[in-house]
Amino acid sequence: MNVTPGSNKGGWDRFQHLLDDQMDWPSEFVFKFIAPQAGLGELKAVFGLHPVRVRSSRAGNYVSVTARMQMHSSTEVIAVYKAASGIKGVIML
């Protein structure tokens, strides 16, 4: 599912509706982000103790971050995305 809800409430509401239509809860959810190398620590902190897979870009300026987490609702998924969206330069995939 590749959706960028944007920063407005309507975008998040549409994203939540899409999640609830396409997912059964609880379920494993895969989060994917691209971030500047400088934001890696902050992005990893969003996932707490959950393991994340990090891959650096060829030049090393950017990283892709993937995390698989057990989510109990679309609200939990959106909370992770909102936390990550506050990090400068992060792209949600």
Protein backbone atom coordinates (compact mmCIF):
# COMPACT_ATOMS: atom_id res chain seq x y z
CA MET A 1 0.00 0.00 0.00
CA ASN A 2 1.70 3.18 -1.16
CA VAL A 3 -0.23 6.18 0.09
CA THR A 4 1.02 9.59 1.10
CA PRO A 5 -1.78 11.10 3.16
CA GLY A 6 -0.31 14.56 3.41
CA SER A 7 -0.51 16.82 6.39
CA ASN A 8 -4.19 17.69 6.28
CA LYS A 9 -6.82 15.87 8.33
CA GLY A 10 -8.78 14.80 5.25
CA GLY A 11 -5.75 12.98 3.88
CA TRP A 12 -5.25 11.07 7.11
CA ASP A 13 -8.99 10.23 7.24
CA ARG A 14 -8.89 8.83 3.69
CA PHE A 15 -5.77 6.83 4.53
CA GLN A 16 -7.40 5.41 7.66
CA HIS A 17 -10.49 4.43 5.68
CA LEU A 18 -8.27 2.70 3.08
CA LEU A 19 -6.39 0.83 5.81
CA ASP A 20 -9.61 -0.34 7.44
CA ASP A 21 -11.00 -1.48 4.08
CA GLN A 22 -7.90 -3.44 3.10
CA MET A 23 -6.53 -4.78 6.38
CA ASP A 24 -7.76 -7.09 9.12
CA TRP A 25 -6.63 -6.13 12.62
CA PRO A 26 -4.42 -7.16 14.28
CA SER A 27 -1.99 -7.59 11.41
CA GLU A 28 1.67 -7.22 10.54
CA PHE A 29 2.24 -3.92 8.76
CA VAL A 30 5.33 -3.02 6.73
CA PHE A 31 6.54 0.56 7.04
CA LYS A 32 8.94 1.95 4.42
CA PHE A 33 10.64 5.32 4.42
CA ILE A 34 13.45 7.15 2.69
CA ALA A 35 15.35 9.65 4.80
CA PRO A 36 18.48 11.76 4.73
CA GLN A 37 21.35 9.99 6.50
CA ALA A 38 21.25 12.73 9.15
CA GLY A 39 17.68 11.77 10.10
CA LEU A 40 18.35 8.04 10.56
CA GLY A 41 18.60 8.11 14.35
CA GLU A 42 15.42 10.09 14.72
CA LEU A 43 13.56 7.80 12.29
CA LYS A 44 14.78 4.65 14.04
CA ALA A 45 13.54 6.11 17.33
CA VAL A 46 9.99 6.14 15.91
CA PHE A 47 10.13 2.32 15.97
CA GLY A 48 11.48 2.04 19.51
CA LEU A 49 12.92 -1.42 20.12
CA HIS A 50 11.42 -2.95 16.98
CA PRO A 51 14.10 -4.08 14.52
CA VAL A 52 14.48 -2.07 11.33
CA ARG A 53 16.29 -2.82 8.10
CA VAL A 54 18.46 0.05 6.88
CA ARG A 55 20.02 0.33 3.45
CA SER A 56 22.19 3.24 2.36
CA SER A 57 21.97 4.88 -1.04
CA ARG A 58 24.89 4.50 -3.41
CA ALA A 59 26.32 7.89 -2.42
CA GLY A 60 25.45 7.38 1.25
CA ASN A 61 23.40 10.56 1.55
CA TYR A 62 20.07 8.77 2.02
CA VAL A 63 18.84 5.60 3.67
CA SER A 64 15.83 3.41 3.17
CA VAL A 65 14.28 2.15 6.37
CA THR A 66 11.90 -0.81 6.54
CA ALA A 67 10.16 -2.05 9.67
CA ARG A 68 7.63 -4.82 10.17
CA MET A 69 5.41 -4.31 13.18
CA GLN A 70 2.33 -5.99 14.58
CA MET A 71 -0.40 -3.35 14.54
CA HIS A 72 -3.76 -3.61 16.25
CA SER A 73 -5.59 -0.86 14.38
CA SER A 74 -5.34 1.71 11.63
CA THR A 75 -4.99 4.32 14.37
CA GLU A 76 -1.69 2.75 15.46
CA VAL A 77 -0.41 2.72 11.87
CA ILE A 78 -1.27 6.38 11.40
CA ALA A 79 0.44 7.30 14.69
CA VAL A 80 3.70 5.82 13.36
CA TYR A 81 3.37 7.66 10.06
CA LYS A 82 2.58 10.95 11.81
CA ALA A 83 5.61 10.56 14.09
CA ALA A 84 7.84 9.91 11.08
CA SER A 85 6.33 12.77 9.07
CA GLY A 86 7.69 15.24 11.61
CA ILE A 87 11.27 14.32 10.69
CA LYS A 88 12.83 16.71 8.16
CA GLY A 89 13.28 15.19 4.71
CA VAL A 90 11.51 11.88 5.36
CA ILE A 91 9.55 10.39 2.48
CA MET A 92 6.81 7.89 3.31
CA LEU A 93 6.39 5.03 0.88
